[in-house]
Amino acid sequence: MRRIPAAAAVCAAALAFLAPAGMAAAAQAAPAAPAEQSYTVVPYENVNVRQLPTRNSAYLATLTAGRSYQAYCWTHGQTVTDHGYTNDIWIGFADGYSSAVYLKGDQYANLPATAEC
């Protein structure tokens, strides 16, 4: 699996508000800082952010339904089936990944094909 490409830590704190106090050590193990381009995504229900693009990877935070978040890329990961949708696309954030199954838009949460991690 590919990880978010390394870049300057300009947006490393973009989702820091998602992580509860005391979770700094887990957040440090997450992918490197995001690429320059970001995209707005909106979960249609609360969804977990994981360290890697798998359901059993370390939990980092929760994205709240209906709020906007900045995503940086997509990657193939563990296949997730829920609500009648099946997809192996995971969306990369500053601190980790969430399954695109829970994000509004197309199978890539409306990120362009060129935004692959």
PDB file of N, CA and C in Angstrom:
ATOM      1  N   MET A   1       0.825  -1.180   0.000  1.00  0.00           N
ATOM      2  CA  MET A   1       0.000   0.000   0.000  1.00  0.00           C
ATOM      3  C   MET A   1       0.867   1.241   0.000  1.00  0.00           C
ATOM      4  N   ARG A   2       0.406   2.258  -0.656  1.00  0.00           N
ATOM      5  CA  ARG A   2       1.126   3.516  -0.682  1.00  0.00           C
ATOM      6  C   ARG A   2       0.667   4.400   0.453  1.00  0.00           C
ATOM      7  N   ARG A   3       1.526   5.269   0.912  1.00  0.00           N
ATOM      8  CA  ARG A   3       1.192   6.193   1.987  1.00  0.00           C
ATOM      9  C   ARG A   3       1.188   7.605   1.424  1.00  0.00           C
ATOM     10  N   ILE A   4       0.690   8.532   2.184  1.00  0.00           N
ATOM     11  CA  ILE A   4       0.675   9.924   1.760  1.00  0.00           C
ATOM     12  C   ILE A   4       2.111  10.366   1.529  1.00  0.00           C
ATOM     13  N   PRO A   5       2.407  11.002   0.392  1.00  0.00           N
ATOM     14  CA  PRO A   5       3.784  11.390   0.110  1.00  0.00           C
ATOM     15  C   PRO A   5       4.302  12.409   1.120  1.00  0.00           C
ATOM     16  N   ALA A   6       5.604  12.327   1.397  1.00  0.00           N
ATOM     17  CA  ALA A   6       6.215  13.271   2.333  1.00  0.00           C
ATOM     18  C   ALA A   6       6.243  14.653   1.695  1.00  0.00           C
ATOM     19  N   ALA A   7       6.030  15.672   2.487  1.00  0.00           N
ATOM     20  CA  ALA A   7       6.074  17.059   2.027  1.00  0.00           C
ATOM     21  C   ALA A   7       6.353  17.925   3.235  1.00  0.00           C
ATOM     22  N   ALA A   8       6.486  19.207   3.037  1.00  0.00           N
ATOM     23  CA  ALA A   8       6.702  20.118   4.161  1.00  0.00           C
ATOM     24  C   ALA A   8       5.540  20.003   5.126  1.00  0.00           C
ATOM     25  N   ALA A   9       5.785  20.215   6.377  1.00  0.00           N
ATOM     26  CA  ALA A   9       4.764  20.022   7.415  1.00  0.00           C
ATOM     27  C   ALA A   9       3.822  21.214   7.514  1.00  0.00           C
ATOM     28  N   VAL A  10       3.533  21.850   6.397  1.00  0.00           N
ATOM     29  CA  VAL A  10       2.698  23.043   6.375  1.00  0.00           C
ATOM     30  C   VAL A  10       1.309  22.776   6.948  1.00  0.00           C
ATOM     31  N   CYS A  11       0.699  21.658   6.595  1.00  0.00           N
ATOM     32  CA  CYS A  11      -0.672  21.381   7.017  1.00  0.00           C
ATOM     33  C   CYS A  11      -0.745  20.267   8.048  1.00  0.00           C
ATOM     34  N   ALA A  12       0.331  19.949   8.712  1.00  0.00           N
ATOM     35  CA  ALA A  12       0.337  18.819   9.632  1.00  0.00           C
ATOM     36  C   ALA A  12      -0.688  18.984  10.739  1.00  0.00           C
ATOM     37  N   ALA A  13      -0.996  20.225  11.097  1.00  0.00           N
ATOM     38  CA  ALA A  13      -1.959  20.450  12.172  1.00  0.00           C
ATOM     39  C   ALA A  13      -3.374  20.639  11.648  1.00  0.00           C
ATOM     40  N   ALA A  14      -3.588  20.460  10.367  1.00  0.00           N
ATOM     41  CA  ALA A  14      -4.898  20.721   9.766  1.00  0.00           C
ATOM     42  C   ALA A  14      -6.014  19.962  10.453  1.00  0.00           C
ATOM     43  N   LEU A  15      -5.751  18.740  10.866  1.00  0.00           N
ATOM     44  CA  LEU A  15      -6.777  17.956  11.538  1.00  0.00           C
ATOM     45  C   LEU A  15      -6.432  17.680  12.988  1.00  0.00           C
ATOM     46  N   ALA A  16      -5.508  18.435  13.557  1.00  0.00           N
ATOM     47  CA  ALA A  16      -5.093  18.203  14.931  1.00  0.00           C
ATOM     48  C   ALA A  16      -6.268  18.324  15.896  1.00  0.00           C
ATOM     49  N   PHE A  17      -7.252  19.131  15.537  1.00  0.00           N
ATOM     50  CA  PHE A  17      -8.415  19.286  16.408  1.00  0.00           C
ATOM     51  C   PHE A  17      -9.204  17.990  16.525  1.00  0.00           C
ATOM     52  N   LEU A  18      -8.973  17.045  15.624  1.00  0.00           N
ATOM     53  CA  LEU A  18      -9.683  15.769  15.677  1.00  0.00           C
ATOM     54  C   LEU A  18      -9.156  14.859  16.763  1.00  0.00           C
ATOM     55  N   ALA A  19      -7.881  14.987  17.084  1.00  0.00           N
ATOM     56  CA  ALA A  19      -7.251  14.066  18.022  1.00  0.00           C
ATOM     57  C   ALA A  19      -7.459  14.522  19.462  1.00  0.00           C
ATOM     58  N   PRO A  20      -7.968  13.645  20.316  1.00  0.00           N
ATOM     59  CA  PRO A  20      -8.117  14.001  21.712  1.00  0.00           C
ATOM     60  C   PRO A  20      -6.763  14.209  22.361  1.00  0.00           C
ATOM     61  N   ALA A  21      -6.725  14.956  23.467  1.00  0.00           N
ATOM     62  CA  ALA A  21      -5.491  15.180  24.201  1.00  0.00           C
ATOM     63  C   ALA A  21      -4.902  13.834  24.590  1.00  0.00           C
ATOM     64  N   GLY A  22      -3.589  13.740  24.566  1.00  0.00           N
ATOM     65  CA  GLY A  22      -2.924  12.508  24.938  1.00  0.00           C
ATOM     66  C   GLY A  22      -2.756  11.529  23.794  1.00  0.00           C
ATOM     67  N   MET A  23      -3.184  11.894  22.599  1.00  0.00           N
ATOM     68  CA  MET A  23      -3.066  10.988  21.467  1.00  0.00           C
ATOM     69  C   MET A  23      -1.931  11.406  20.548  1.00  0.00           C
ATOM     70  N   ALA A  24      -1.065  12.295  20.989  1.00  0.00           N
ATOM     71  CA  ALA A  24       0.019  12.797  20.158  1.00  0.00           C
ATOM     72  C   ALA A  24       0.931  11.682  19.673  1.00  0.00           C
ATOM     73  N   ALA A  25       1.230  10.700  20.526  1.00  0.00           N
ATOM     74  CA  ALA A  25       2.117   9.618  20.123  1.00  0.00           C
ATOM     75  C   ALA A  25       1.526   8.828  18.967  1.00  0.00           C
ATOM     76  N   ALA A  26       0.226   8.554  19.006  1.00  0.00           N
ATOM     77  CA  ALA A  26      -0.420   7.823  17.917  1.00  0.00           C
ATOM     78  C   ALA A  26      -0.417   8.650  16.646  1.00  0.00           C
ATOM     79  N   ALA A  27      -0.663   9.951  16.761  1.00  0.00           N
ATOM     80  CA  ALA A  27      -0.705  10.818  15.586  1.00  0.00           C
ATOM     81  C   ALA A  27       0.658  10.880  14.910  1.00  0.00           C
ATOM     82  N   GLN A  28       1.745  10.790  15.682  1.00  0.00           N
ATOM     83  CA  GLN A  28       3.078  10.844  15.097  1.00  0.00           C
ATOM     84  C   GLN A  28       3.349   9.630  14.222  1.00  0.00           C
ATOM     85  N   ALA A  29       2.674   8.531  14.477  1.00  0.00           N
ATOM     86  CA  ALA A  29       2.882   7.327  13.686  1.00  0.00           C
ATOM     87  C   ALA A  29       2.080   7.349  12.391  1.00  0.00           C
ATOM     88  N   ALA A  30       1.241   8.358  12.208  1.00  0.00           N
ATOM     89  CA  ALA A  30       0.401   8.487  11.014  1.00  0.00           C
ATOM     90  C   ALA A  30       1.255   8.859   9.808  1.00  0.00           C
ATOM     91  N   PRO A  31       0.652   8.875   8.626  1.00  0.00           N
ATOM     92  CA  PRO A  31       1.388   9.243   7.419  1.00  0.00           C
ATOM     93  C   PRO A  31       2.027  10.623   7.541  1.00  0.00           C
ATOM     94  N   ALA A  32       3.013  10.856   6.719  1.00  0.00           N
ATOM     95  CA  ALA A  32       3.712  12.133   6.701  1.00  0.00           C
ATOM     96  C   ALA A  32       2.762  13.258   6.318  1.00  0.00           C
ATOM     97  N   ALA A  33       3.234  14.469   6.421  1.00  0.00           N
ATOM     98  CA  ALA A  33       2.428  15.640   6.087  1.00  0.00           C
ATOM     99  C   ALA A  33       1.873  15.523   4.673  1.00  0.00           C
ATOM    100  N   PRO A  34       0.699  16.095   4.419  1.00  0.00           N
ATOM    101  CA  PRO A  34       0.036  15.966   3.122  1.00  0.00           C
ATOM    102  C   PRO A  34       0.731  16.723   1.994  1.00  0.00           C
ATOM    103  N   ALA A  35       0.343  16.351   0.809  1.00  0.00           N
ATOM    104  CA  ALA A  35       0.819  17.048  -0.380  1.00  0.00           C
ATOM    105  C   ALA A  35       0.227  18.453  -0.406  1.00  0.00           C
ATOM    106  N   GLU A  36       0.638  19.265  -1.343  1.00  0.00           N
ATOM    107  CA  GLU A  36       0.207  20.660  -1.407  1.00  0.00           C
ATOM    108  C   GLU A  36      -1.281  20.833  -1.679  1.00  0.00           C
ATOM    109  N   GLN A  37      -1.853  20.065  -2.574  1.00  0.00           N
ATOM    110  CA  GLN A  37      -3.253  20.197  -2.970  1.00  0.00           C
ATOM    111  C   GLN A  37      -4.169  19.555  -1.940  1.00  0.00           C
ATOM    112  N   SER A  38      -5.263  20.230  -1.599  1.00  0.00           N
ATOM    113  CA  SER A  38      -6.250  19.625  -0.704  1.00  0.00           C
ATOM    114  C   SER A  38      -7.635  19.727  -1.325  1.00  0.00           C
ATOM    115  N   TYR A  39      -8.530  18.872  -0.841  1.00  0.00           N
ATOM    116  CA  TYR A  39      -9.885  18.772  -1.368  1.00  0.00           C
ATOM    117  C   TYR A  39     -10.841  18.690  -0.185  1.00  0.00           C
ATOM    118  N   THR A  40     -12.006  19.299  -0.329  1.00  0.00           N
ATOM    119  CA  THR A  40     -12.998  19.263   0.736  1.00  0.00           C
ATOM    120  C   THR A  40     -13.834  18.001   0.615  1.00  0.00           C
ATOM    121  N   VAL A  41     -13.965  17.284   1.727  1.00  0.00           N
ATOM    122  CA  VAL A  41     -14.812  16.095   1.782  1.00  0.00           C
ATOM    123  C   VAL A  41     -15.761  16.239   2.963  1.00  0.00           C
ATOM    124  N   VAL A  42     -16.919  15.580   2.856  1.00  0.00           N
ATOM    125  CA  VAL A  42     -17.937  15.645   3.904  1.00  0.00           C
ATOM    126  C   VAL A  42     -18.449  14.238   4.177  1.00  0.00           C
ATOM    127  N   PRO A  43     -18.302  13.763   5.418  1.00  0.00           N
ATOM    128  CA  PRO A  43     -18.866  12.453   5.750  1.00  0.00           C
ATOM    129  C   PRO A  43     -20.379  12.553   5.928  1.00  0.00           C
ATOM    130  N   TYR A  44     -21.114  11.537   5.497  1.00  0.00           N
ATOM    131  CA  TYR A  44     -22.558  11.556   5.697  1.00  0.00           C
ATOM    132  C   TYR A  44     -22.940  10.894   7.010  1.00  0.00           C
ATOM    133  N   GLU A  45     -21.979  10.288   7.684  1.00  0.00           N
ATOM    134  CA  GLU A  45     -22.157   9.798   9.052  1.00  0.00           C
ATOM    135  C   GLU A  45     -20.790   9.880   9.725  1.00  0.00           C
ATOM    136  N   ASN A  46     -20.753   9.790  11.044  1.00  0.00           N
ATOM    137  CA  ASN A  46     -19.471   9.822  11.739  1.00  0.00           C
ATOM    138  C   ASN A  46     -18.604   8.668  11.238  1.00  0.00           C
ATOM    139  N   VAL A  47     -17.329   8.949  11.001  1.00  0.00           N
ATOM    140  CA  VAL A  47     -16.422   7.939  10.448  1.00  0.00           C
ATOM    141  C   VAL A  47     -15.064   8.043  11.139  1.00  0.00           C
ATOM    142  N   ASN A  48     -14.454   6.895  11.369  1.00  0.00           N
ATOM    143  CA  ASN A  48     -13.150   6.848  12.022  1.00  0.00           C
ATOM    144  C   ASN A  48     -12.025   7.212  11.067  1.00  0.00           C
ATOM    145  N   VAL A  49     -11.012   7.853  11.622  1.00  0.00           N
ATOM    146  CA  VAL A  49      -9.749   8.069  10.922  1.00  0.00           C
ATOM    147  C   VAL A  49      -8.796   7.029  11.488  1.00  0.00           C
ATOM    148  N   ARG A  50      -8.160   6.270  10.591  1.00  0.00           N
ATOM    149  CA  ARG A  50      -7.256   5.184  10.973  1.00  0.00           C
ATOM    150  C   ARG A  50      -5.828   5.513  10.544  1.00  0.00           C
ATOM    151  N   GLN A  51      -4.866   4.942  11.234  1.00  0.00           N
ATOM    152  CA  GLN A  51      -3.462   5.185  10.921  1.00  0.00           C
ATOM    153  C   GLN A  51      -3.110   4.686   9.522  1.00  0.00           C
ATOM    154  N   LEU A  52      -3.658   3.539   9.132  1.00  0.00           N
ATOM    155  CA  LEU A  52      -3.440   2.949   7.814  1.00  0.00           C
ATOM    156  C   LEU A  52      -4.800   2.708   7.161  1.00  0.00           C
ATOM    157  N   PRO A  53      -4.854   2.470   5.859  1.00  0.00           N
ATOM    158  CA  PRO A  53      -6.143   2.262   5.184  1.00  0.00           C
ATOM    159  C   PRO A  53      -6.735   0.868   5.406  1.00  0.00           C
ATOM    160  N   THR A  54      -6.937   0.525   6.676  1.00  0.00           N
ATOM    161  CA  THR A  54      -7.572  -0.729   7.064  1.00  0.00           C
ATOM    162  C   THR A  54      -8.439  -0.496   8.289  1.00  0.00           C
ATOM    163  N   ARG A  55      -9.499  -1.272   8.423  1.00  0.00           N
ATOM    164  CA  ARG A  55     -10.410  -1.128   9.562  1.00  0.00           C
ATOM    165  C   ARG A  55      -9.767  -1.507  10.887  1.00  0.00           C
ATOM    166  N   ASN A  56      -8.794  -2.381  10.876  1.00  0.00           N
ATOM    167  CA  ASN A  56      -8.184  -2.811  12.120  1.00  0.00           C
ATOM    168  C   ASN A  56      -6.927  -2.027  12.480  1.00  0.00           C
ATOM    169  N   SER A  57      -6.608  -1.011  11.709  1.00  0.00           N
ATOM    170  CA  SER A  57      -5.473  -0.147  12.000  1.00  0.00           C
ATOM    171  C   SER A  57      -5.801   0.738  13.198  1.00  0.00           C
ATOM    172  N   ALA A  58      -4.795   1.301  13.807  1.00  0.00           N
ATOM    173  CA  ALA A  58      -4.979   2.142  15.000  1.00  0.00           C
ATOM    174  C   ALA A  58      -5.962   3.275  14.739  1.00  0.00           C
ATOM    175  N   TYR A  59      -6.903   3.437  15.664  1.00  0.00           N
ATOM    176  CA  TYR A  59      -7.865   4.530  15.623  1.00  0.00           C
ATOM    177  C   TYR A  59      -7.161   5.822  16.007  1.00  0.00           C
ATOM    178  N   LEU A  60      -7.402   6.895  15.238  1.00  0.00           N
ATOM    179  CA  LEU A  60      -6.804   8.191  15.532  1.00  0.00           C
ATOM    180  C   LEU A  60      -7.818   9.243  15.927  1.00  0.00           C
ATOM    181  N   ALA A  61      -8.976   9.247  15.277  1.00  0.00           N
ATOM    182  CA  ALA A  61      -9.959  10.302  15.511  1.00  0.00           C
ATOM    183  C   ALA A  61     -11.270   9.928  14.825  1.00  0.00           C
ATOM    184  N   THR A  62     -12.266  10.784  14.967  1.00  0.00           N
ATOM    185  CA  THR A  62     -13.554  10.605  14.302  1.00  0.00           C
ATOM    186  C   THR A  62     -13.900  11.873  13.537  1.00  0.00           C
ATOM    187  N   LEU A  63     -14.315  11.718  12.282  1.00  0.00           N
ATOM    188  CA  LEU A  63     -14.845  12.832  11.495  1.00  0.00           C
ATOM    189  C   LEU A  63     -16.342  12.894  11.775  1.00  0.00           C
ATOM    190  N   THR A  64     -16.852  14.080  12.019  1.00  0.00           N
ATOM    191  CA  THR A  64     -18.253  14.272  12.359  1.00  0.00           C
ATOM    192  C   THR A  64     -19.100  14.437  11.102  1.00  0.00           C
ATOM    193  N   ALA A  65     -20.219  13.734  11.063  1.00  0.00           N
ATOM    194  CA  ALA A  65     -21.140  13.802   9.923  1.00  0.00           C
ATOM    195  C   ALA A  65     -21.532  15.239   9.620  1.00  0.00           C
ATOM    196  N   GLY A  66     -21.529  15.591   8.342  1.00  0.00           N
ATOM    197  CA  GLY A  66     -21.978  16.904   7.891  1.00  0.00           C
ATOM    198  C   GLY A  66     -20.938  18.003   7.944  1.00  0.00           C
ATOM    199  N   ARG A  67     -19.817  17.784   8.602  1.00  0.00           N
ATOM    200  CA  ARG A  67     -18.749  18.795   8.655  1.00  0.00           C
ATOM    201  C   ARG A  67     -17.816  18.625   7.464  1.00  0.00           C
ATOM    202  N   SER A  68     -17.161  19.694   7.076  1.00  0.00           N
ATOM    203  CA  SER A  68     -16.197  19.657   5.973  1.00  0.00           C
ATOM    204  C   SER A  68     -14.795  19.428   6.517  1.00  0.00           C
ATOM    205  N   TYR A  69     -14.022  18.610   5.798  1.00  0.00           N
ATOM    206  CA  TYR A  69     -12.637  18.311   6.168  1.00  0.00           C
ATOM    207  C   TYR A  69     -11.757  18.393   4.935  1.00  0.00           C
ATOM    208  N   GLN A  70     -10.492  18.662   5.141  1.00  0.00           N
ATOM    209  CA  GLN A  70      -9.537  18.726   4.046  1.00  0.00           C
ATOM    210  C   GLN A  70      -8.852  17.375   3.877  1.00  0.00           C
ATOM    211  N   ALA A  71      -8.992  16.809   2.694  1.00  0.00           N
ATOM    212  CA  ALA A  71      -8.353  15.546   2.336  1.00  0.00           C
ATOM    213  C   ALA A  71      -7.265  15.862   1.320  1.00  0.00           C
ATOM    214  N   TYR A  72      -6.317  14.945   1.186  1.00  0.00           N
ATOM    215  CA  TYR A  72      -5.166  15.223   0.332  1.00  0.00           C
ATOM    216  C   TYR A  72      -4.961  14.218  -0.788  1.00  0.00           C
ATOM    217  N   CYS A  73      -5.479  13.004  -0.607  1.00  0.00           N
ATOM    218  CA  CYS A  73      -5.262  12.002  -1.644  1.00  0.00           C
ATOM    219  C   CYS A  73      -6.154  10.795  -1.374  1.00  0.00           C
ATOM    220  N   TRP A  74      -6.122   9.834  -2.283  1.00  0.00           N
ATOM    221  CA  TRP A  74      -6.831   8.569  -2.101  1.00  0.00           C
ATOM    222  C   TRP A  74      -5.861   7.428  -2.391  1.00  0.00           C
ATOM    223  N   THR A  75      -6.179   6.276  -1.816  1.00  0.00           N
ATOM    224  CA  THR A  75      -5.359   5.094  -2.044  1.00  0.00           C
ATOM    225  C   THR A  75      -6.236   3.845  -1.954  1.00  0.00           C
ATOM    226  N   HIS A  76      -5.753   2.756  -2.493  1.00  0.00           N
ATOM    227  CA  HIS A  76      -6.445   1.479  -2.330  1.00  0.00           C
ATOM    228  C   HIS A  76      -6.049   0.899  -0.984  1.00  0.00           C
ATOM    229  N   GLY A  77      -7.014   0.338  -0.282  1.00  0.00           N
ATOM    230  CA  GLY A  77      -6.763  -0.288   1.011  1.00  0.00           C
ATOM    231  C   GLY A  77      -7.711  -1.450   1.202  1.00  0.00           C
ATOM    232  N   GLN A  78      -8.051  -1.716   2.446  1.00  0.00           N
ATOM    233  CA  GLN A  78      -8.977  -2.802   2.764  1.00  0.00           C
ATOM    234  C   GLN A  78     -10.352  -2.501   2.165  1.00  0.00           C
ATOM    235  N   THR A  79     -10.988  -3.510   1.600  1.00  0.00           N
ATOM    236  CA  THR A  79     -12.333  -3.347   1.053  1.00  0.00           C
ATOM    237  C   THR A  79     -13.328  -3.219   2.197  1.00  0.00           C
ATOM    238  N   VAL A  80     -14.214  -2.212   2.079  1.00  0.00           N
ATOM    239  CA  VAL A  80     -15.242  -1.957   3.089  1.00  0.00           C
ATOM    240  C   VAL A  80     -16.600  -2.073   2.406  1.00  0.00           C
ATOM    241  N   THR A  81     -17.523  -2.779   3.040  1.00  0.00           N
ATOM    242  CA  THR A  81     -18.901  -2.873   2.567  1.00  0.00           C
ATOM    243  C   THR A  81     -19.810  -2.370   3.671  1.00  0.00           C
ATOM    244  N   ASP A  82     -20.632  -1.384   3.359  1.00  0.00           N
ATOM    245  CA  ASP A  82     -21.581  -0.844   4.323  1.00  0.00           C
ATOM    246  C   ASP A  82     -22.639  -0.056   3.565  1.00  0.00           C
ATOM    247  N   HIS A  83     -23.850  -0.074   4.054  1.00  0.00           N
ATOM    248  CA  HIS A  83     -24.965   0.666   3.452  1.00  0.00           C
ATOM    249  C   HIS A  83     -25.157   0.325   1.967  1.00  0.00           C
ATOM    250  N   GLY A  84     -24.858  -0.906   1.584  1.00  0.00           N
ATOM    251  CA  GLY A  84     -25.045  -1.328   0.204  1.00  0.00           C
ATOM    252  C   GLY A  84     -23.924  -0.923  -0.738  1.00  0.00           C
ATOM    253  N   TYR A  85     -22.852  -0.320  -0.221  1.00  0.00           N
ATOM    254  CA  TYR A  85     -21.713   0.089  -1.044  1.00  0.00           C
ATOM    255  C   TYR A  85     -20.494  -0.742  -0.679  1.00  0.00           C
ATOM    256  N   THR A  86     -19.697  -1.073  -1.682  1.00  0.00           N
ATOM    257  CA  THR A  86     -18.438  -1.770  -1.464  1.00  0.00           C
ATOM    258  C   THR A  86     -17.352  -0.994  -2.178  1.00  0.00           C
ATOM    259  N   ASN A  87     -16.246  -0.736  -1.471  1.00  0.00           N
ATOM    260  CA  ASN A  87     -15.199   0.096  -2.037  1.00  0.00           C
ATOM    261  C   ASN A  87     -13.891  -0.193  -1.305  1.00  0.00           C
ATOM    262  N   ASP A  88     -12.770  -0.130  -2.016  1.00  0.00           N
ATOM    263  CA  ASP A  88     -11.464  -0.279  -1.366  1.00  0.00           C
ATOM    264  C   ASP A  88     -10.682   1.036  -1.374  1.00  0.00           C
ATOM    265  N   ILE A  89     -11.373   2.126  -1.642  1.00  0.00           N
ATOM    266  CA  ILE A  89     -10.730   3.444  -1.675  1.00  0.00           C
ATOM    267  C   ILE A  89     -10.754   4.059  -0.280  1.00  0.00           C
ATOM    268  N   TRP A  90      -9.586   4.524   0.155  1.00  0.00           N
ATOM    269  CA  TRP A  90      -9.449   5.222   1.428  1.00  0.00           C
ATOM    270  C   TRP A  90      -8.916   6.615   1.134  1.00  0.00           C
ATOM    271  N   ILE A  91      -9.440   7.584   1.857  1.00  0.00           N
ATOM    272  CA  ILE A  91      -9.082   8.984   1.653  1.00  0.00           C
ATOM    273  C   ILE A  91      -8.027   9.378   2.684  1.00  0.00           C
ATOM    274  N   GLY A  92      -6.950  10.025   2.204  1.00  0.00           N
ATOM    275  CA  GLY A  92      -5.845  10.422   3.067  1.00  0.00           C
ATOM    276  C   GLY A  92      -6.033  11.820   3.626  1.00  0.00           C
ATOM    277  N   PHE A  93      -5.881  11.921   4.941  1.00  0.00           N
ATOM    278  CA  PHE A  93      -5.933  13.197   5.663  1.00  0.00           C
ATOM    279  C   PHE A  93      -4.554  13.464   6.251  1.00  0.00           C
ATOM    280  N   ALA A  94      -4.384  14.573   6.922  1.00  0.00           N
ATOM    281  CA  ALA A  94      -3.095  14.899   7.530  1.00  0.00           C
ATOM    282  C   ALA A  94      -2.662  13.846   8.535  1.00  0.00           C
ATOM    283  N   ASP A  95      -3.616  13.253   9.229  1.00  0.00           N
ATOM    284  CA  ASP A  95      -3.281  12.315  10.297  1.00  0.00           C
ATOM    285  C   ASP A  95      -3.544  10.858   9.974  1.00  0.00           C
ATOM    286  N   GLY A  96      -4.213  10.534   8.904  1.00  0.00           N
ATOM    287  CA  GLY A  96      -4.533   9.138   8.630  1.00  0.00           C
ATOM    288  C   GLY A  96      -5.501   8.988   7.479  1.00  0.00           C
ATOM    289  N   TYR A  97      -6.300   7.912   7.521  1.00  0.00           N
ATOM    290  CA  TYR A  97      -7.181   7.547   6.412  1.00  0.00           C
ATOM    291  C   TYR A  97      -8.590   7.216   6.897  1.00  0.00           C
ATOM    292  N   SER A  98      -9.577   7.478   6.031  1.00  0.00           N
ATOM    293  CA  SER A  98     -10.962   7.057   6.257  1.00  0.00           C
ATOM    294  C   SER A  98     -11.485   6.417   4.982  1.00  0.00           C
ATOM    295  N   SER A  99     -12.359   5.431   5.157  1.00  0.00           N
ATOM    296  CA  SER A  99     -12.941   4.763   3.995  1.00  0.00           C
ATOM    297  C   SER A  99     -13.846   5.728   3.238  1.00  0.00           C
ATOM    298  N   ALA A 100     -13.730   5.737   1.920  1.00  0.00           N
ATOM    299  CA  ALA A 100     -14.563   6.592   1.076  1.00  0.00           C
ATOM    300  C   ALA A 100     -16.027   6.167   1.102  1.00  0.00           C
ATOM    301  N   VAL A 101     -16.316   4.960   1.590  1.00  0.00           N
ATOM    302  CA  VAL A 101     -17.702   4.487   1.683  1.00  0.00           C
ATOM    303  C   VAL A 101     -18.540   5.458   2.513  1.00  0.00           C
ATOM    304  N   TYR A 102     -17.928   6.144   3.474  1.00  0.00           N
ATOM    305  CA  TYR A 102     -18.658   7.009   4.390  1.00  0.00           C
ATOM    306  C   TYR A 102     -18.599   8.490   4.026  1.00  0.00           C
ATOM    307  N   LEU A 103     -18.036   8.803   2.866  1.00  0.00           N
ATOM    308  CA  LEU A 103     -17.900  10.194   2.445  1.00  0.00           C
ATOM    309  C   LEU A 103     -18.787  10.482   1.245  1.00  0.00           C
ATOM    310  N   LYS A 104     -19.365  11.668   1.216  1.00  0.00           N
ATOM    311  CA  LYS A 104     -20.245  12.055   0.112  1.00  0.00           C
ATOM    312  C   LYS A 104     -19.461  12.136  -1.189  1.00  0.00           C
ATOM    313  N   GLY A 105     -20.157  11.877  -2.293  1.00  0.00           N
ATOM    314  CA  GLY A 105     -19.541  11.972  -3.609  1.00  0.00           C
ATOM    315  C   GLY A 105     -19.425  10.619  -4.275  1.00  0.00           C
ATOM    316  N   ASP A 106     -18.536  10.544  -5.244  1.00  0.00           N
ATOM    317  CA  ASP A 106     -18.337   9.297  -5.984  1.00  0.00           C
ATOM    318  C   ASP A 106     -17.455   8.331  -5.188  1.00  0.00           C
ATOM    319  N   GLN A 107     -16.985   7.273  -5.853  1.00  0.00           N
ATOM    320  CA  GLN A 107     -16.192   6.256  -5.156  1.00  0.00           C
ATOM    321  C   GLN A 107     -14.890   6.799  -4.579  1.00  0.00           C
ATOM    322  N   TYR A 108     -14.452   7.976  -5.052  1.00  0.00           N
ATOM    323  CA  TYR A 108     -13.236   8.620  -4.558  1.00  0.00           C
ATOM    324  C   TYR A 108     -13.553   9.835  -3.679  1.00  0.00           C
ATOM    325  N   ALA A 109     -14.787   9.940  -3.187  1.00  0.00           N
ATOM    326  CA  ALA A 109     -15.233  11.096  -2.398  1.00  0.00           C
ATOM    327  C   ALA A 109     -15.021  12.398  -3.176  1.00  0.00           C
ATOM    328  N   ASN A 110     -15.132  12.306  -4.486  1.00  0.00           N
ATOM    329  CA  ASN A 110     -14.986  13.419  -5.426  1.00  0.00           C
ATOM    330  C   ASN A 110     -13.564  13.944  -5.569  1.00  0.00           C
ATOM    331  N   LEU A 111     -12.563  13.201  -5.081  1.00  0.00           N
ATOM    332  CA  LEU A 111     -11.174  13.588  -5.346  1.00  0.00           C
ATOM    333  C   LEU A 111     -10.856  13.169  -6.774  1.00  0.00           C
ATOM    334  N   PRO A 112     -10.020  13.919  -7.466  1.00  0.00           N
ATOM    335  CA  PRO A 112      -9.695  13.544  -8.854  1.00  0.00           C
ATOM    336  C   PRO A 112      -8.832  12.291  -8.910  1.00  0.00           C
ATOM    337  N   ALA A 113      -8.862  11.619 -10.042  1.00  0.00           N
ATOM    338  CA  ALA A 113      -8.060  10.417 -10.236  1.00  0.00           C
ATOM    339  C   ALA A 113      -6.570  10.699 -10.047  1.00  0.00           C
ATOM    340  N   THR A 114      -6.157  11.913 -10.315  1.00  0.00           N
ATOM    341  CA  THR A 114      -4.747  12.290 -10.183  1.00  0.00           C
ATOM    342  C   THR A 114      -4.309  12.485  -8.736  1.00  0.00           C
ATOM    343  N   ALA A 115      -5.229  12.425  -7.782  1.00  0.00           N
ATOM    344  CA  ALA A 115      -4.894  12.655  -6.368  1.00  0.00           C
ATOM    345  C   ALA A 115      -4.524  11.371  -5.645  1.00  0.00           C
ATOM    346  N   GLU A 116      -4.040  10.381  -6.381  1.00  0.00           N
ATOM    347  CA  GLU A 116      -3.652   9.123  -5.740  1.00  0.00           C
ATOM    348  C   GLU A 116      -2.449   9.350  -4.840  1.00  0.00           C
ATOM    349  N   CYS A 117      -2.480   8.747  -3.640  1.00  0.00           N
ATOM    350  CA  CYS A 117      -1.371   8.894  -2.670  1.00  0.00           C
ATOM    351  C   CYS A 117      -0.108   8.240  -3.203  1.00  0.00           C
TER     352      CYS A 117
END
